[in-house]
Amino acid sequence: MKVMTLPPDDPAERHYPPEWYNERLIRPLEAPPELNLRTVVTMSLDDAAGVLAVAVDGGDIFILDY
């Protein structure tokens, strides 16, 4: 799995040089072996915390850091 984040649209809001954003736009995520991606019912991205919350059938929730 991979997560893609985008820098702010307004260049004035970008606090780092363009190269910094280019290296961090797409980040790989390691899914634990017990996470069956076929059973995912919803995902929620919290960019401020740097996590992706994945809910699966049966009520389990996995928190993946990126």
PDB file of N, CA and C in Angstrom:
ATOM      1  N   MET A   1       0.845  -1.170   0.000  1.00  0.00           N
ATOM      2  CA  MET A   1       0.000   0.000   0.000  1.00  0.00           C
ATOM      3  C   MET A   1       0.887   1.228   0.000  1.00  0.00           C
ATOM      4  N   LYS A   2       0.371   2.287  -0.596  1.00  0.00           N
ATOM      5  CA  LYS A   2       1.083   3.566  -0.611  1.00  0.00           C
ATOM      6  C   LYS A   2       0.104   4.676  -0.295  1.00  0.00           C
ATOM      7  N   VAL A   3       0.624   5.735   0.290  1.00  0.00           N
ATOM      8  CA  VAL A   3      -0.172   6.915   0.601  1.00  0.00           C
ATOM      9  C   VAL A   3       0.443   8.083  -0.153  1.00  0.00           C
ATOM     10  N   MET A   4      -0.394   8.906  -0.751  1.00  0.00           N
ATOM     11  CA  MET A   4       0.097  10.078  -1.478  1.00  0.00           C
ATOM     12  C   MET A   4      -0.479  11.320  -0.830  1.00  0.00           C
ATOM     13  N   THR A   5       0.385  12.233  -0.469  1.00  0.00           N
ATOM     14  CA  THR A   5      -0.064  13.510   0.068  1.00  0.00           C
ATOM     15  C   THR A   5       0.415  14.610  -0.866  1.00  0.00           C
ATOM     16  N   LEU A   6      -0.309  15.685  -0.886  1.00  0.00           N
ATOM     17  CA  LEU A   6       0.016  16.799  -1.775  1.00  0.00           C
ATOM     18  C   LEU A   6       0.415  18.015  -0.948  1.00  0.00           C
ATOM     19  N   PRO A   7       1.382  18.786  -1.453  1.00  0.00           N
ATOM     20  CA  PRO A   7       1.761  20.008  -0.741  1.00  0.00           C
ATOM     21  C   PRO A   7       0.659  21.054  -0.879  1.00  0.00           C
ATOM     22  N   PRO A   8       0.701  22.101  -0.063  1.00  0.00           N
ATOM     23  CA  PRO A   8      -0.292  23.177  -0.188  1.00  0.00           C
ATOM     24  C   PRO A   8      -0.278  23.779  -1.597  1.00  0.00           C
ATOM     25  N   ASP A   9      -1.440  24.201  -2.076  1.00  0.00           N
ATOM     26  CA  ASP A   9      -1.532  24.816  -3.399  1.00  0.00           C
ATOM     27  C   ASP A   9      -0.815  26.165  -3.451  1.00  0.00           C
ATOM     28  N   ASP A  10      -0.885  26.888  -2.375  1.00  0.00           N
ATOM     29  CA  ASP A  10      -0.289  28.221  -2.316  1.00  0.00           C
ATOM     30  C   ASP A  10       1.201  28.103  -1.981  1.00  0.00           C
ATOM     31  N   PRO A  11       2.088  28.507  -2.901  1.00  0.00           N
ATOM     32  CA  PRO A  11       3.530  28.416  -2.621  1.00  0.00           C
ATOM     33  C   PRO A  11       3.955  29.145  -1.345  1.00  0.00           C
ATOM     34  N   ALA A  12       3.204  30.167  -0.943  1.00  0.00           N
ATOM     35  CA  ALA A  12       3.541  30.898   0.277  1.00  0.00           C
ATOM     36  C   ALA A  12       3.362  30.030   1.526  1.00  0.00           C
ATOM     37  N   GLU A  13       2.524  28.981   1.417  1.00  0.00           N
ATOM     38  CA  GLU A  13       2.274  28.089   2.552  1.00  0.00           C
ATOM     39  C   GLU A  13       3.271  26.933   2.617  1.00  0.00           C
ATOM     40  N   ARG A  14       4.100  26.818   1.609  1.00  0.00           N
ATOM     41  CA  ARG A  14       5.088  25.739   1.588  1.00  0.00           C
ATOM     42  C   ARG A  14       6.318  26.178   2.363  1.00  0.00           C
ATOM     43  N   HIS A  15       6.652  25.414   3.369  1.00  0.00           N
ATOM     44  CA  HIS A  15       7.741  25.791   4.271  1.00  0.00           C
ATOM     45  C   HIS A  15       9.074  25.160   3.913  1.00  0.00           C
ATOM     46  N   TYR A  16       9.100  24.299   2.903  1.00  0.00           N
ATOM     47  CA  TYR A  16      10.313  23.589   2.523  1.00  0.00           C
ATOM     48  C   TYR A  16      10.568  23.778   1.034  1.00  0.00           C
ATOM     49  N   PRO A  17      11.787  23.535   0.569  1.00  0.00           N
ATOM     50  CA  PRO A  17      12.067  23.645  -0.869  1.00  0.00           C
ATOM     51  C   PRO A  17      11.306  22.569  -1.653  1.00  0.00           C
ATOM     52  N   PRO A  18      11.075  22.785  -2.960  1.00  0.00           N
ATOM     53  CA  PRO A  18      10.295  21.826  -3.765  1.00  0.00           C
ATOM     54  C   PRO A  18      10.827  20.394  -3.705  1.00  0.00           C
ATOM     55  N   GLU A  19      12.137  20.228  -3.600  1.00  0.00           N
ATOM     56  CA  GLU A  19      12.716  18.884  -3.567  1.00  0.00           C
ATOM     57  C   GLU A  19      12.207  18.093  -2.357  1.00  0.00           C
ATOM     58  N   TRP A  20      12.013  18.788  -1.253  1.00  0.00           N
ATOM     59  CA  TRP A  20      11.546  18.124  -0.040  1.00  0.00           C
ATOM     60  C   TRP A  20      10.177  17.490  -0.281  1.00  0.00           C
ATOM     61  N   TYR A  21       9.279  18.223  -0.941  1.00  0.00           N
ATOM     62  CA  TYR A  21       7.943  17.706  -1.214  1.00  0.00           C
ATOM     63  C   TYR A  21       7.985  16.565  -2.226  1.00  0.00           C
ATOM     64  N   ASN A  22       8.824  16.680  -3.242  1.00  0.00           N
ATOM     65  CA  ASN A  22       8.906  15.641  -4.263  1.00  0.00           C
ATOM     66  C   ASN A  22       9.302  14.304  -3.663  1.00  0.00           C
ATOM     67  N   GLU A  23      10.188  14.311  -2.688  1.00  0.00           N
ATOM     68  CA  GLU A  23      10.638  13.069  -2.071  1.00  0.00           C
ATOM     69  C   GLU A  23       9.594  12.485  -1.143  1.00  0.00           C
ATOM     70  N   ARG A  24       8.630  13.247  -0.695  1.00  0.00           N
ATOM     71  CA  ARG A  24       7.689  12.796   0.315  1.00  0.00           C
ATOM     72  C   ARG A  24       6.245  12.684  -0.171  1.00  0.00           C
ATOM     73  N   LEU A  25       6.009  12.844  -1.453  1.00  0.00           N
ATOM     74  CA  LEU A  25       4.633  12.790  -1.939  1.00  0.00           C
ATOM     75  C   LEU A  25       4.029  11.396  -1.841  1.00  0.00           C
ATOM     76  N   ILE A  26       4.802  10.381  -2.189  1.00  0.00           N
ATOM     77  CA  ILE A  26       4.297   9.012  -2.157  1.00  0.00           C
ATOM     78  C   ILE A  26       5.108   8.238  -1.129  1.00  0.00           C
ATOM     79  N   ARG A  27       4.405   7.690  -0.154  1.00  0.00           N
ATOM     80  CA  ARG A  27       5.067   6.972   0.929  1.00  0.00           C
ATOM     81  C   ARG A  27       4.534   5.551   0.995  1.00  0.00           C
ATOM     82  N   PRO A  28       5.432   4.572   1.034  1.00  0.00           N
ATOM     83  CA  PRO A  28       4.957   3.189   1.182  1.00  0.00           C
ATOM     84  C   PRO A  28       4.483   2.939   2.608  1.00  0.00           C
ATOM     85  N   LEU A  29       3.499   2.083   2.738  1.00  0.00           N
ATOM     86  CA  LEU A  29       2.982   1.687   4.040  1.00  0.00           C
ATOM     87  C   LEU A  29       3.173   0.184   4.199  1.00  0.00           C
ATOM     88  N   GLU A  30       3.601  -0.218   5.364  1.00  0.00           N
ATOM     89  CA  GLU A  30       3.696  -1.640   5.645  1.00  0.00           C
ATOM     90  C   GLU A  30       2.417  -2.078   6.329  1.00  0.00           C
ATOM     91  N   ALA A  31       1.701  -2.961   5.661  1.00  0.00           N
ATOM     92  CA  ALA A  31       0.472  -3.501   6.241  1.00  0.00           C
ATOM     93  C   ALA A  31       0.833  -4.755   7.030  1.00  0.00           C
ATOM     94  N   PRO A  32       0.314  -4.881   8.246  1.00  0.00           N
ATOM     95  CA  PRO A  32       0.591  -6.091   9.018  1.00  0.00           C
ATOM     96  C   PRO A  32      -0.017  -7.304   8.319  1.00  0.00           C
ATOM     97  N   PRO A  33       0.566  -8.467   8.514  1.00  0.00           N
ATOM     98  CA  PRO A  33       0.074  -9.666   7.821  1.00  0.00           C
ATOM     99  C   PRO A  33      -1.396  -9.985   8.121  1.00  0.00           C
ATOM    100  N   GLU A  34      -1.881  -9.612   9.295  1.00  0.00           N
ATOM    101  CA  GLU A  34      -3.272  -9.921   9.640  1.00  0.00           C
ATOM    102  C   GLU A  34      -4.277  -8.978   8.979  1.00  0.00           C
ATOM    103  N   LEU A  35      -3.795  -7.932   8.297  1.00  0.00           N
ATOM    104  CA  LEU A  35      -4.693  -7.019   7.589  1.00  0.00           C
ATOM    105  C   LEU A  35      -4.962  -7.564   6.191  1.00  0.00           C
ATOM    106  N   ASN A  36      -6.164  -8.053   5.993  1.00  0.00           N
ATOM    107  CA  ASN A  36      -6.585  -8.563   4.693  1.00  0.00           C
ATOM    108  C   ASN A  36      -7.230  -7.398   3.940  1.00  0.00           C
ATOM    109  N   LEU A  37      -6.566  -6.903   2.921  1.00  0.00           N
ATOM    110  CA  LEU A  37      -7.048  -5.725   2.196  1.00  0.00           C
ATOM    111  C   LEU A  37      -8.389  -5.967   1.498  1.00  0.00           C
ATOM    112  N   ARG A  38      -8.750  -7.208   1.284  1.00  0.00           N
ATOM    113  CA  ARG A  38     -10.045  -7.520   0.656  1.00  0.00           C
ATOM    114  C   ARG A  38     -11.209  -7.262   1.604  1.00  0.00           C
ATOM    115  N   THR A  39     -10.923  -7.106   2.899  1.00  0.00           N
ATOM    116  CA  THR A  39     -11.999  -6.909   3.876  1.00  0.00           C
ATOM    117  C   THR A  39     -12.121  -5.461   4.336  1.00  0.00           C
ATOM    118  N   VAL A  40     -11.370  -4.540   3.716  1.00  0.00           N
ATOM    119  CA  VAL A  40     -11.402  -3.128   4.111  1.00  0.00           C
ATOM    120  C   VAL A  40     -12.771  -2.533   3.778  1.00  0.00           C
ATOM    121  N   VAL A  41     -13.355  -1.851   4.773  1.00  0.00           N
ATOM    122  CA  VAL A  41     -14.634  -1.182   4.541  1.00  0.00           C
ATOM    123  C   VAL A  41     -14.484   0.333   4.492  1.00  0.00           C
ATOM    124  N   THR A  42     -13.474   0.870   5.168  1.00  0.00           N
ATOM    125  CA  THR A  42     -13.247   2.309   5.118  1.00  0.00           C
ATOM    126  C   THR A  42     -11.808   2.619   5.514  1.00  0.00           C
ATOM    127  N   MET A  43     -11.328   3.754   5.017  1.00  0.00           N
ATOM    128  CA  MET A  43     -10.003   4.257   5.379  1.00  0.00           C
ATOM    129  C   MET A  43     -10.118   5.738   5.681  1.00  0.00           C
ATOM    130  N   SER A  44      -9.330   6.195   6.628  1.00  0.00           N
ATOM    131  CA  SER A  44      -9.339   7.605   7.002  1.00  0.00           C
ATOM    132  C   SER A  44      -7.900   8.080   7.151  1.00  0.00           C
ATOM    133  N   LEU A  45      -7.552   9.112   6.427  1.00  0.00           N
ATOM    134  CA  LEU A  45      -6.209   9.664   6.448  1.00  0.00           C
ATOM    135  C   LEU A  45      -6.157  10.855   7.389  1.00  0.00           C
ATOM    136  N   ASP A  46      -5.242  10.817   8.337  1.00  0.00           N
ATOM    137  CA  ASP A  46      -5.010  11.948   9.235  1.00  0.00           C
ATOM    138  C   ASP A  46      -3.606  12.464   8.932  1.00  0.00           C
ATOM    139  N   ASP A  47      -3.529  13.417   8.012  1.00  0.00           N
ATOM    140  CA  ASP A  47      -2.237  13.912   7.560  1.00  0.00           C
ATOM    141  C   ASP A  47      -1.480  14.624   8.672  1.00  0.00           C
ATOM    142  N   ALA A  48      -2.200  15.289   9.568  1.00  0.00           N
ATOM    143  CA  ALA A  48      -1.537  15.993  10.671  1.00  0.00           C
ATOM    144  C   ALA A  48      -0.832  15.009  11.601  1.00  0.00           C
ATOM    145  N   ALA A  49      -1.418  13.849  11.807  1.00  0.00           N
ATOM    146  CA  ALA A  49      -0.819  12.836  12.683  1.00  0.00           C
ATOM    147  C   ALA A  49       0.077  11.875  11.911  1.00  0.00           C
ATOM    148  N   GLY A  50      -0.038  11.886  10.585  1.00  0.00           N
ATOM    149  CA  GLY A  50       0.775  10.982   9.775  1.00  0.00           C
ATOM    150  C   GLY A  50       0.333   9.539   9.876  1.00  0.00           C
ATOM    151  N   VAL A  51      -0.987   9.315   9.938  1.00  0.00           N
ATOM    152  CA  VAL A  51      -1.499   7.951  10.046  1.00  0.00           C
ATOM    153  C   VAL A  51      -2.650   7.722   9.076  1.00  0.00           C
ATOM    154  N   LEU A  52      -2.814   6.461   8.720  1.00  0.00           N
ATOM    155  CA  LEU A  52      -3.953   6.008   7.940  1.00  0.00           C
ATOM    156  C   LEU A  52      -4.688   4.991   8.802  1.00  0.00           C
ATOM    157  N   ALA A  53      -5.941   5.257   9.120  1.00  0.00           N
ATOM    158  CA  ALA A  53      -6.761   4.330   9.892  1.00  0.00           C
ATOM    159  C   ALA A  53      -7.556   3.482   8.909  1.00  0.00           C
ATOM    160  N   VAL A  54      -7.450   2.171   9.054  1.00  0.00           N
ATOM    161  CA  VAL A  54      -8.117   1.234   8.155  1.00  0.00           C
ATOM    162  C   VAL A  54      -9.072   0.378   8.971  1.00  0.00           C
ATOM    163  N   ALA A  55     -10.348   0.414   8.623  1.00  0.00           N
ATOM    164  CA  ALA A  55     -11.355  -0.408   9.283  1.00  0.00           C
ATOM    165  C   ALA A  55     -11.722  -1.567   8.367  1.00  0.00           C
ATOM    166  N   VAL A  56     -11.849  -2.746   8.956  1.00  0.00           N
ATOM    167  CA  VAL A  56     -12.166  -3.946   8.183  1.00  0.00           C
ATOM    168  C   VAL A  56     -13.451  -4.577   8.712  1.00  0.00           C
ATOM    169  N   ASP A  57     -14.011  -5.507   7.891  1.00  0.00           N
ATOM    170  CA  ASP A  57     -15.178  -6.279   8.342  1.00  0.00           C
ATOM    171  C   ASP A  57     -14.861  -6.892   9.693  1.00  0.00           C
ATOM    172  N   GLY A  58     -15.822  -6.911  10.573  1.00  0.00           N
ATOM    173  CA  GLY A  58     -15.620  -7.484  11.891  1.00  0.00           C
ATOM    174  C   GLY A  58     -15.271  -6.443  12.928  1.00  0.00           C
ATOM    175  N   GLY A  59     -15.030  -5.193  12.500  1.00  0.00           N
ATOM    176  CA  GLY A  59     -14.808  -4.113  13.445  1.00  0.00           C
ATOM    177  C   GLY A  59     -13.364  -3.820  13.819  1.00  0.00           C
ATOM    178  N   ASP A  60     -12.409  -4.607  13.324  1.00  0.00           N
ATOM    179  CA  ASP A  60     -11.004  -4.306  13.637  1.00  0.00           C
ATOM    180  C   ASP A  60     -10.565  -3.023  12.945  1.00  0.00           C
ATOM    181  N   ILE A  61      -9.708  -2.267  13.619  1.00  0.00           N
ATOM    182  CA  ILE A  61      -9.144  -1.034  13.057  1.00  0.00           C
ATOM    183  C   ILE A  61      -7.629  -1.128  13.146  1.00  0.00           C
ATOM    184  N   PHE A  62      -6.983  -0.829  12.039  1.00  0.00           N
ATOM    185  CA  PHE A  62      -5.530  -0.832  11.967  1.00  0.00           C
ATOM    186  C   PHE A  62      -5.070   0.607  11.765  1.00  0.00           C
ATOM    187  N   ILE A  63      -4.070   1.019  12.503  1.00  0.00           N
ATOM    188  CA  ILE A  63      -3.488   2.351  12.377  1.00  0.00           C
ATOM    189  C   ILE A  63      -2.100   2.183  11.752  1.00  0.00           C
ATOM    190  N   LEU A  64      -1.930   2.726  10.558  1.00  0.00           N
ATOM    191  CA  LEU A  64      -0.667   2.616   9.844  1.00  0.00           C
ATOM    192  C   LEU A  64       0.035   3.964   9.826  1.00  0.00           C
ATOM    193  N   ASP A  65       1.243   4.021  10.347  1.00  0.00           N
ATOM    194  CA  ASP A  65       2.026   5.251  10.327  1.00  0.00           C
ATOM    195  C   ASP A  65       2.708   5.412   8.974  1.00  0.00           C
ATOM    196  N   TYR A  66       2.833   6.667   8.561  1.00  0.00           N
ATOM    197  CA  TYR A  66       3.627   6.925   7.356  1.00  0.00           C
ATOM    198  C   TYR A  66       4.563   8.060   7.583  1.00  0.00           C
TER     199      TYR A  66
END
